């Protein structure tokens, strides 16, 4: 349960065992409440002093209901919630392209139940305080600069979980799409920890969609290939991609854009193949630059990561749809002006 009432200075009684109620206690304290605890129902036949609110955590112990009924009879609101999950495990969560609107239900639940969240800069980190009361640890990476190295991130996750915390590793996109999720799962398994993965909405599909570009389209493209843009491709890879057909989607490819465009052209891709660069998808300042393979390097000279590159005829589909939408909007404006005259 996320809190939406002002509890600053209000007394809240949280019932339930310490383990089951730990996240509720932290959440109410973060909301400014004065928290009292009641770990067991035994010996509480009479209602103690009257709090502003009772937060009843379902810890599985029998005997709570008579006490809660007394509080209700005394006019004290009773909010019930589930117990915190068993401590000492790791959940890798895909945060999508950076907006909370594209977090999955499972991702929101994992964040709610977390004790510690290790997050990246491409995850929806600005909204984390509204999604969880967990300790938040920034381990974000930028191109050419890793605030915390990958091996150190894995050690932080493992050590925290072994200390008894529910750990969430929140990543942009999907953990298994260039997210090094497989390495982090392996580190947890090697430490004997329970680990699960919550898939996220990958930017390979969602960011082109934000710009109106479908990665597949009937009679235009029936396949798409996702490529990492962090390192230059080999000539063999250029030839493979150029001959494969369909749509090519490149993640974080600004730094290698010139090399990619030149390599694909040498491999036989025609110079007028349409190409789009979508920067900062779903974030403030989202921008799309469209050119063709032969001119994209100069057209995108001012672009920067995070960005997704899309190469293929589907880019023309988006341009056509955009043209139809703009024409329809012009007709609407014309009709409105005629009606108003």
Protein backbone atom coordinates (compact mmCIF):
# COMPACT_ATOMS: atom_id res chain seq x y z
CA UNK A 1 0.00 0.00 0.00
CA UNK A 2 1.40 3.42 -0.93
CA UNK A 3 0.43 6.25 1.40
CA UNK A 4 -1.56 9.23 0.15
CA UNK A 5 -2.67 10.96 3.39
CA UNK A 6 -0.62 13.35 5.49
CA UNK A 7 0.67 11.38 8.46
CA UNK A 8 3.26 13.89 9.66
CA UNK A 9 3.39 13.68 13.46
CA UNK A 10 0.47 11.26 13.58
CA UNK A 11 0.68 8.14 15.70
CA UNK A 12 0.40 4.90 13.74
CA UNK A 13 0.28 1.48 15.35
CA UNK A 14 1.81 -1.22 13.12
CA UNK A 15 0.92 -4.77 14.09
CA UNK A 16 2.70 -7.95 13.02
CA UNK A 17 6.02 -9.64 13.55
CA UNK A 18 9.16 -7.60 13.01
CA UNK A 19 10.05 -9.46 9.81
CA UNK A 20 6.57 -9.27 8.33
CA UNK A 21 6.04 -5.62 9.28
CA UNK A 22 9.50 -4.23 8.48
CA UNK A 23 8.48 -2.59 5.21
CA UNK A 24 5.27 -1.15 6.65
CA UNK A 25 7.25 0.38 9.52
CA UNK A 26 9.75 1.92 7.13
CA UNK A 27 7.01 3.25 4.86
CA UNK A 28 5.05 4.92 7.66
CA UNK A 29 8.19 6.39 9.18
CA UNK A 30 9.14 7.78 5.76
CA UNK A 31 5.67 9.39 5.62
CA UNK A 32 6.46 11.26 8.86
CA UNK A 33 4.33 9.17 11.23
CA UNK A 34 5.23 8.37 14.83
CA UNK A 35 5.26 4.57 14.67
CA UNK A 36 4.39 2.27 17.56
CA UNK A 37 4.81 -1.47 17.25
CA UNK A 38 2.80 -4.47 18.38
CA UNK A 39 4.51 -7.72 17.40
CA UNK A 40 2.03 -10.23 18.80
CA UNK A 41 -1.70 -10.33 19.60
CA UNK A 42 -1.41 -12.17 22.91
CA UNK A 43 -2.08 -10.24 26.07
CA UNK A 44 -3.84 -7.42 24.21
CA UNK A 45 -7.46 -8.08 25.21
CA UNK A 46 -8.08 -4.43 26.02
CA UNK A 47 -7.55 -1.62 23.55
CA UNK A 48 -4.45 0.47 24.38
CA UNK A 49 -4.24 4.24 23.82
CA UNK A 50 -5.94 5.43 20.69
CA UNK A 51 -3.67 5.94 17.64
CA UNK A 52 -4.56 7.90 14.52
CA UNK A 53 -4.34 4.73 12.40
CA UNK A 54 -3.73 1.02 12.82
CA UNK A 55 -1.70 -0.70 10.09
CA UNK A 56 -2.50 -4.40 10.43
CA UNK A 57 0.09 -6.56 8.68
CA UNK A 58 -1.13 -10.06 7.83
CA UNK A 59 1.71 -12.01 9.46
CA UNK A 60 -0.19 -15.31 9.69
CA UNK A 61 -0.54 -15.26 13.47
CA UNK A 62 -4.00 -16.06 14.87
CA UNK A 63 -5.63 -13.80 17.41
CA UNK A 64 -5.31 -10.37 15.84
CA UNK A 65 -8.96 -9.91 14.84
CA UNK A 66 -10.45 -9.28 18.33
CA UNK A 67 -7.97 -6.45 18.90
CA UNK A 68 -8.58 -4.95 15.47
CA UNK A 69 -12.34 -5.08 16.07
CA UNK A 70 -11.85 -3.10 19.28
CA UNK A 71 -9.98 -0.40 17.40
CA UNK A 72 -12.67 -0.25 14.73
CA UNK A 73 -15.35 0.03 17.43
CA UNK A 74 -13.38 2.91 18.95
CA UNK A 75 -13.44 4.72 15.59
CA UNK A 76 -9.80 4.10 14.68
CA UNK A 77 -9.22 3.35 10.97
CA UNK A 78 -7.60 -0.04 10.37
CA UNK A 79 -5.58 -0.50 7.17
CA UNK A 80 -4.68 -4.09 6.32
CA UNK A 81 -1.77 -5.10 4.14
CA UNK A 82 0.25 -8.14 3.18
CA UNK A 83 3.37 -9.17 5.03
CA UNK A 84 6.76 -8.36 3.60
CA UNK A 85 8.23 -11.17 1.55
CA UNK A 86 10.76 -13.61 2.93
CA UNK A 87 14.08 -11.88 3.37
CA UNK A 88 17.30 -12.63 1.57
CA UNK A 89 16.61 -12.83 -2.16
CA UNK A 90 17.27 -10.83 -5.32
CA UNK A 91 14.88 -9.71 -8.05
CA UNK A 92 16.18 -8.31 -11.32
CA UNK A 93 13.58 -5.85 -12.57
CA UNK A 94 13.31 -4.43 -16.07
CA UNK A 95 12.31 -0.79 -15.70
CA UNK A 96 11.40 -0.19 -19.32
CA UNK A 97 12.49 2.91 -21.27
CA UNK A 98 12.39 5.25 -18.29
CA UNK A 99 8.77 6.13 -17.61
CA UNK A 100 6.78 4.66 -14.73
CA UNK A 101 3.79 4.31 -17.08
CA UNK A 102 5.56 1.38 -18.76
CA UNK A 103 6.52 -0.46 -15.58
CA UNK A 104 4.84 -3.84 -15.36
CA UNK A 105 2.56 -4.79 -12.49
CA UNK A 106 5.20 -7.30 -11.36
CA UNK A 107 7.87 -4.57 -11.39
CA UNK A 108 5.76 -2.29 -9.19
CA UNK A 109 5.12 -5.13 -6.75
CA UNK A 110 8.81 -6.03 -6.56
CA UNK A 111 9.73 -2.41 -5.84
CA UNK A 112 7.03 -2.15 -3.18
CA UNK A 113 8.38 -5.23 -1.41
CA UNK A 114 12.06 -4.29 -1.64
CA UNK A 115 14.37 -3.44 1.26
CA UNK A 116 17.17 -2.16 -1.00
CA UNK A 117 17.05 -1.04 -4.65
CA UNK A 118 20.20 -0.78 -6.77
CA UNK A 119 19.21 1.28 -9.80
CA UNK A 120 20.63 2.53 -13.10
CA UNK A 121 20.25 5.97 -14.65
CA UNK A 122 18.11 4.61 -17.52
CA UNK A 123 15.54 3.16 -15.13
CA UNK A 124 12.61 5.38 -13.97
CA UNK A 125 14.68 6.46 -10.97
CA UNK A 126 13.14 9.93 -10.48
CA UNK A 127 9.87 8.35 -9.35
CA UNK A 128 11.34 5.69 -7.07
CA UNK A 129 10.47 7.46 -3.77
CA UNK A 130 6.80 7.20 -4.75
CA UNK A 131 7.11 3.51 -5.62
CA UNK A 132 9.10 2.14 -2.70
CA UNK A 133 10.26 2.90 0.81
CA UNK A 134 13.44 0.88 0.27
CA UNK A 135 16.97 2.19 0.60
CA UNK A 136 17.93 3.55 -2.84
CA UNK A 137 21.46 3.02 -4.14
CA UNK A 138 22.58 4.66 -7.40
CA UNK A 139 24.92 2.35 -9.31
CA UNK A 140 24.23 4.03 -12.64
CA UNK A 141 26.49 3.81 -15.65
CA UNK A 142 27.20 6.39 -18.32
CA UNK A 143 29.03 5.82 -21.59
CA UNK A 144 32.73 5.70 -20.74
CA UNK A 145 32.09 6.10 -17.02
CA UNK A 146 30.82 3.44 -14.66
CA UNK A 147 29.93 4.87 -11.27
CA UNK A 148 30.12 1.34 -9.87
CA UNK A 149 31.77 -1.46 -11.84
CA UNK A 150 29.76 -4.52 -12.84
CA UNK A 151 31.60 -6.89 -10.49
CA UNK A 152 31.10 -4.40 -7.64
CA UNK A 153 27.38 -4.17 -8.41
CA UNK A 154 27.10 -7.94 -8.23
CA UNK A 155 28.96 -7.99 -4.92
CA UNK A 156 26.71 -5.27 -3.48
CA UNK A 157 23.60 -7.22 -4.49
CA UNK A 158 24.86 -10.50 -3.09
CA UNK A 159 26.15 -9.05 0.18
CA UNK A 160 22.90 -7.17 0.78
CA UNK A 161 20.76 -10.24 0.14
CA UNK A 162 22.99 -12.43 2.33
CA UNK A 163 22.48 -9.84 5.08
CA UNK A 164 18.74 -10.61 4.92
CA UNK A 165 17.41 -7.93 2.58
CA UNK A 166 14.96 -8.21 -0.30
CA UNK A 167 17.12 -6.77 -3.06
CA UNK A 168 15.84 -5.29 -6.32
CA UNK A 169 18.25 -4.61 -9.14
CA UNK A 170 16.36 -2.07 -11.27
CA UNK A 171 17.62 -1.73 -14.83
CA UNK A 172 16.48 0.20 -17.86
CA UNK A 173 14.68 -1.80 -20.54
CA UNK A 174 14.82 -5.56 -20.01
CA UNK A 175 17.51 -7.29 -17.90
CA UNK A 176 18.18 -9.86 -20.62
CA UNK A 177 18.46 -7.42 -23.54
CA UNK A 178 22.00 -6.05 -23.29
CA UNK A 179 21.38 -5.60 -19.58
CA UNK A 180 23.96 -8.08 -18.24
CA UNK A 181 21.14 -9.77 -16.39
CA UNK A 182 22.57 -13.21 -17.08
CA UNK A 183 25.79 -12.27 -15.29
CA UNK A 184 23.92 -10.97 -12.27
CA UNK A 185 21.74 -14.08 -12.05
CA UNK A 186 24.88 -16.22 -12.20
CA UNK A 187 26.45 -14.25 -9.34
CA UNK A 188 23.36 -14.77 -7.17
CA UNK A 189 23.15 -18.49 -7.98
CA UNK A 190 26.84 -18.92 -7.17
CA UNK A 191 26.18 -17.35 -3.75
CA UNK A 192 23.28 -19.73 -3.12
CA UNK A 193 20.66 -16.98 -3.29
CA UNK A 194 17.15 -17.22 -4.63
CA UNK A 195 16.86 -14.94 -7.67
CA UNK A 196 14.08 -14.13 -10.11
CA UNK A 197 13.81 -11.91 -13.17
CA UNK A 198 10.94 -9.55 -13.96
CA UNK A 199 10.97 -8.78 -17.66
CA UNK A 200 10.74 -5.18 -18.75
CA UNK A 201 9.52 -3.35 -21.84
CA UNK A 202 12.64 -3.20 -23.98
CA UNK A 203 13.60 0.10 -25.55
CA UNK A 204 14.29 -1.80 -28.78
CA UNK A 205 10.54 -1.83 -29.40
CA UNK A 206 9.11 0.87 -27.16
CA UNK A 207 11.34 3.78 -28.16
CA UNK A 208 10.73 3.38 -31.91
CA UNK A 209 7.02 3.13 -31.03
CA UNK A 210 7.27 6.43 -29.14
CA UNK A 211 8.38 7.98 -32.43
CA UNK A 212 5.59 6.25 -34.36
CA UNK A 213 7.92 3.67 -35.93
CA UNK A 214 6.74 0.03 -36.00
CA UNK A 215 9.65 -2.43 -36.02
CA UNK A 216 7.55 -4.77 -38.21
CA UNK A 217 4.84 -3.92 -40.71
CA UNK A 218 2.86 -6.14 -43.07
CA UNK A 219 4.33 -6.23 -46.59
CA UNK A 220 7.24 -4.04 -45.43
CA UNK A 221 9.23 -5.90 -42.77
CA UNK A 222 8.52 -9.28 -41.20
CA UNK A 223 11.59 -9.40 -38.94
CA UNK A 224 13.77 -7.16 -36.82
CA UNK A 225 17.28 -7.53 -35.44
CA UNK A 226 18.47 -5.86 -32.24
CA UNK A 227 22.12 -4.83 -32.12
CA UNK A 228 24.27 -3.30 -29.39
CA UNK A 229 25.87 -0.04 -30.45
CA UNK A 230 28.45 0.13 -27.68
CA UNK A 231 31.26 -1.30 -29.84
CA UNK A 232 31.89 -1.15 -33.61
CA UNK A 233 30.71 -4.16 -35.59
CA UNK A 234 33.02 -6.29 -37.69
CA UNK A 235 32.88 -6.37 -41.47
CA UNK A 236 31.40 -9.86 -41.23
CA UNK A 237 28.61 -8.54 -38.99
CA UNK A 238 27.97 -5.64 -41.38
CA UNK A 239 27.58 -8.09 -44.28
CA UNK A 240 25.30 -10.32 -42.22
CA UNK A 241 23.01 -7.42 -41.27
CA UNK A 242 22.95 -5.94 -44.76
CA UNK A 243 21.94 -9.28 -46.24
CA UNK A 244 19.41 -10.22 -43.60
CA UNK A 245 16.74 -7.69 -44.55
CA UNK A 246 13.96 -6.50 -42.29
CA UNK A 247 14.49 -3.82 -39.66
CA UNK A 248 17.71 -3.17 -37.76
CA UNK A 249 17.39 -1.63 -34.29
CA UNK A 250 20.58 -0.40 -32.61
CA UNK A 251 20.64 0.46 -28.90
CA UNK A 252 22.97 3.17 -27.59
CA UNK A 253 24.56 3.51 -31.02
CA UNK A 254 25.43 7.19 -31.32
CA UNK A 255 29.11 6.62 -30.64
CA UNK A 256 29.40 4.05 -33.44
CA UNK A 257 26.86 5.56 -35.85
CA UNK A 258 29.39 6.73 -38.46
CA UNK A 259 31.16 3.35 -38.44
CA UNK A 260 27.84 1.48 -38.69
CA UNK A 261 26.47 3.51 -41.60
CA UNK A 262 29.71 3.26 -43.55
CA UNK A 263 30.05 -0.46 -42.85
CA UNK A 264 26.49 -1.27 -43.94
CA UNK A 265 26.96 0.72 -47.15
CA UNK A 266 30.20 -1.12 -47.93
CA UNK A 267 28.33 -4.37 -47.29
CA UNK A 268 25.80 -3.55 -50.01
CA UNK A 269 23.00 -1.67 -48.23
CA UNK A 270 21.75 1.09 -50.49
CA UNK A 271 22.56 4.67 -49.57
CA UNK A 272 18.91 5.79 -49.63
CA UNK A 273 17.79 3.26 -46.98
CA UNK A 274 15.75 5.31 -44.48
CA UNK A 275 17.11 5.64 -40.98
CA UNK A 276 15.91 7.27 -37.78
CA UNK A 277 17.62 8.30 -34.56
CA UNK A 278 15.23 8.52 -31.60
CA UNK A 279 16.78 10.29 -28.63
CA UNK A 280 15.51 10.22 -25.05
CA UNK A 281 12.42 8.10 -25.76
CA UNK A 282 9.56 8.82 -23.33
CA UNK A 283 11.65 11.44 -21.56
CA UNK A 284 11.65 15.24 -21.69
CA UNK A 285 13.30 16.40 -24.87
CA UNK A 286 12.45 13.31 -26.93
CA UNK A 287 13.58 13.98 -30.50
CA UNK A 288 13.58 12.05 -33.78
CA UNK A 289 16.05 12.69 -36.60
CA UNK A 290 15.29 11.05 -39.95
CA UNK A 291 17.66 10.79 -42.89
CA UNK A 292 19.01 8.01 -45.08
CA UNK A 293 21.98 5.73 -44.65
CA UNK A 294 24.21 7.94 -46.77
CA UNK A 295 23.52 11.16 -44.87
CA UNK A 296 22.57 10.05 -41.35
CA UNK A 297 26.07 10.58 -39.92
CA UNK A 298 25.96 14.30 -40.71
CA UNK A 299 22.24 14.70 -39.99
CA UNK A 300 22.67 13.20 -36.52
CA UNK A 301 25.85 15.10 -35.66
CA UNK A 302 24.18 16.80 -32.70
CA UNK A 303 22.49 13.65 -31.35
CA UNK A 304 23.49 11.95 -28.10
CA UNK A 305 22.69 8.83 -26.09
CA UNK A 306 20.38 7.48 -24.80
CA UNK A 307 19.20 6.89 -28.33
CA UNK A 308 17.80 4.10 -30.48
CA UNK A 309 18.66 3.82 -34.16
CA UNK A 310 16.17 2.31 -36.61
CA UNK A 311 17.24 1.27 -40.10
CA UNK A 312 14.69 0.04 -42.62
CA UNK A 313 11.62 0.80 -44.70
CA UNK A 314 9.46 0.93 -41.55
CA UNK A 315 10.81 4.46 -41.06
CA UNK A 316 8.90 5.48 -44.21
CA UNK A 317 5.74 3.94 -42.72
CA UNK A 318 6.08 6.26 -39.75
CA UNK A 319 6.68 9.27 -42.02
CA UNK A 320 3.57 8.41 -44.06
CA UNK A 321 1.44 8.01 -40.95
CA UNK A 322 2.76 11.28 -39.60
CA UNK A 323 1.87 12.99 -42.88
CA UNK A 324 -1.68 11.62 -42.75
CA UNK A 325 -2.05 12.73 -39.14
CA UNK A 326 -0.81 16.23 -39.94
CA UNK A 327 -3.16 16.45 -42.93
CA UNK A 328 -6.09 15.37 -40.76
CA UNK A 329 -5.15 17.97 -38.18
CA UNK A 330 -5.03 20.65 -40.90
CA UNK A 331 -8.54 19.65 -42.04
CA UNK A 332 -9.80 19.82 -38.45
CA UNK A 333 -8.35 23.29 -38.02
CA UNK A 334 -9.87 24.40 -41.36
CA UNK A 335 -13.30 23.05 -40.40
CA UNK A 336 -13.11 24.77 -37.02
CA UNK A 337 -12.24 28.10 -38.62
CA UNK A 338 -15.10 27.79 -41.15
CA UNK A 339 -17.59 26.97 -38.41
CA UNK A 340 -16.38 29.91 -36.41
CA UNK A 341 -16.65 32.38 -39.29
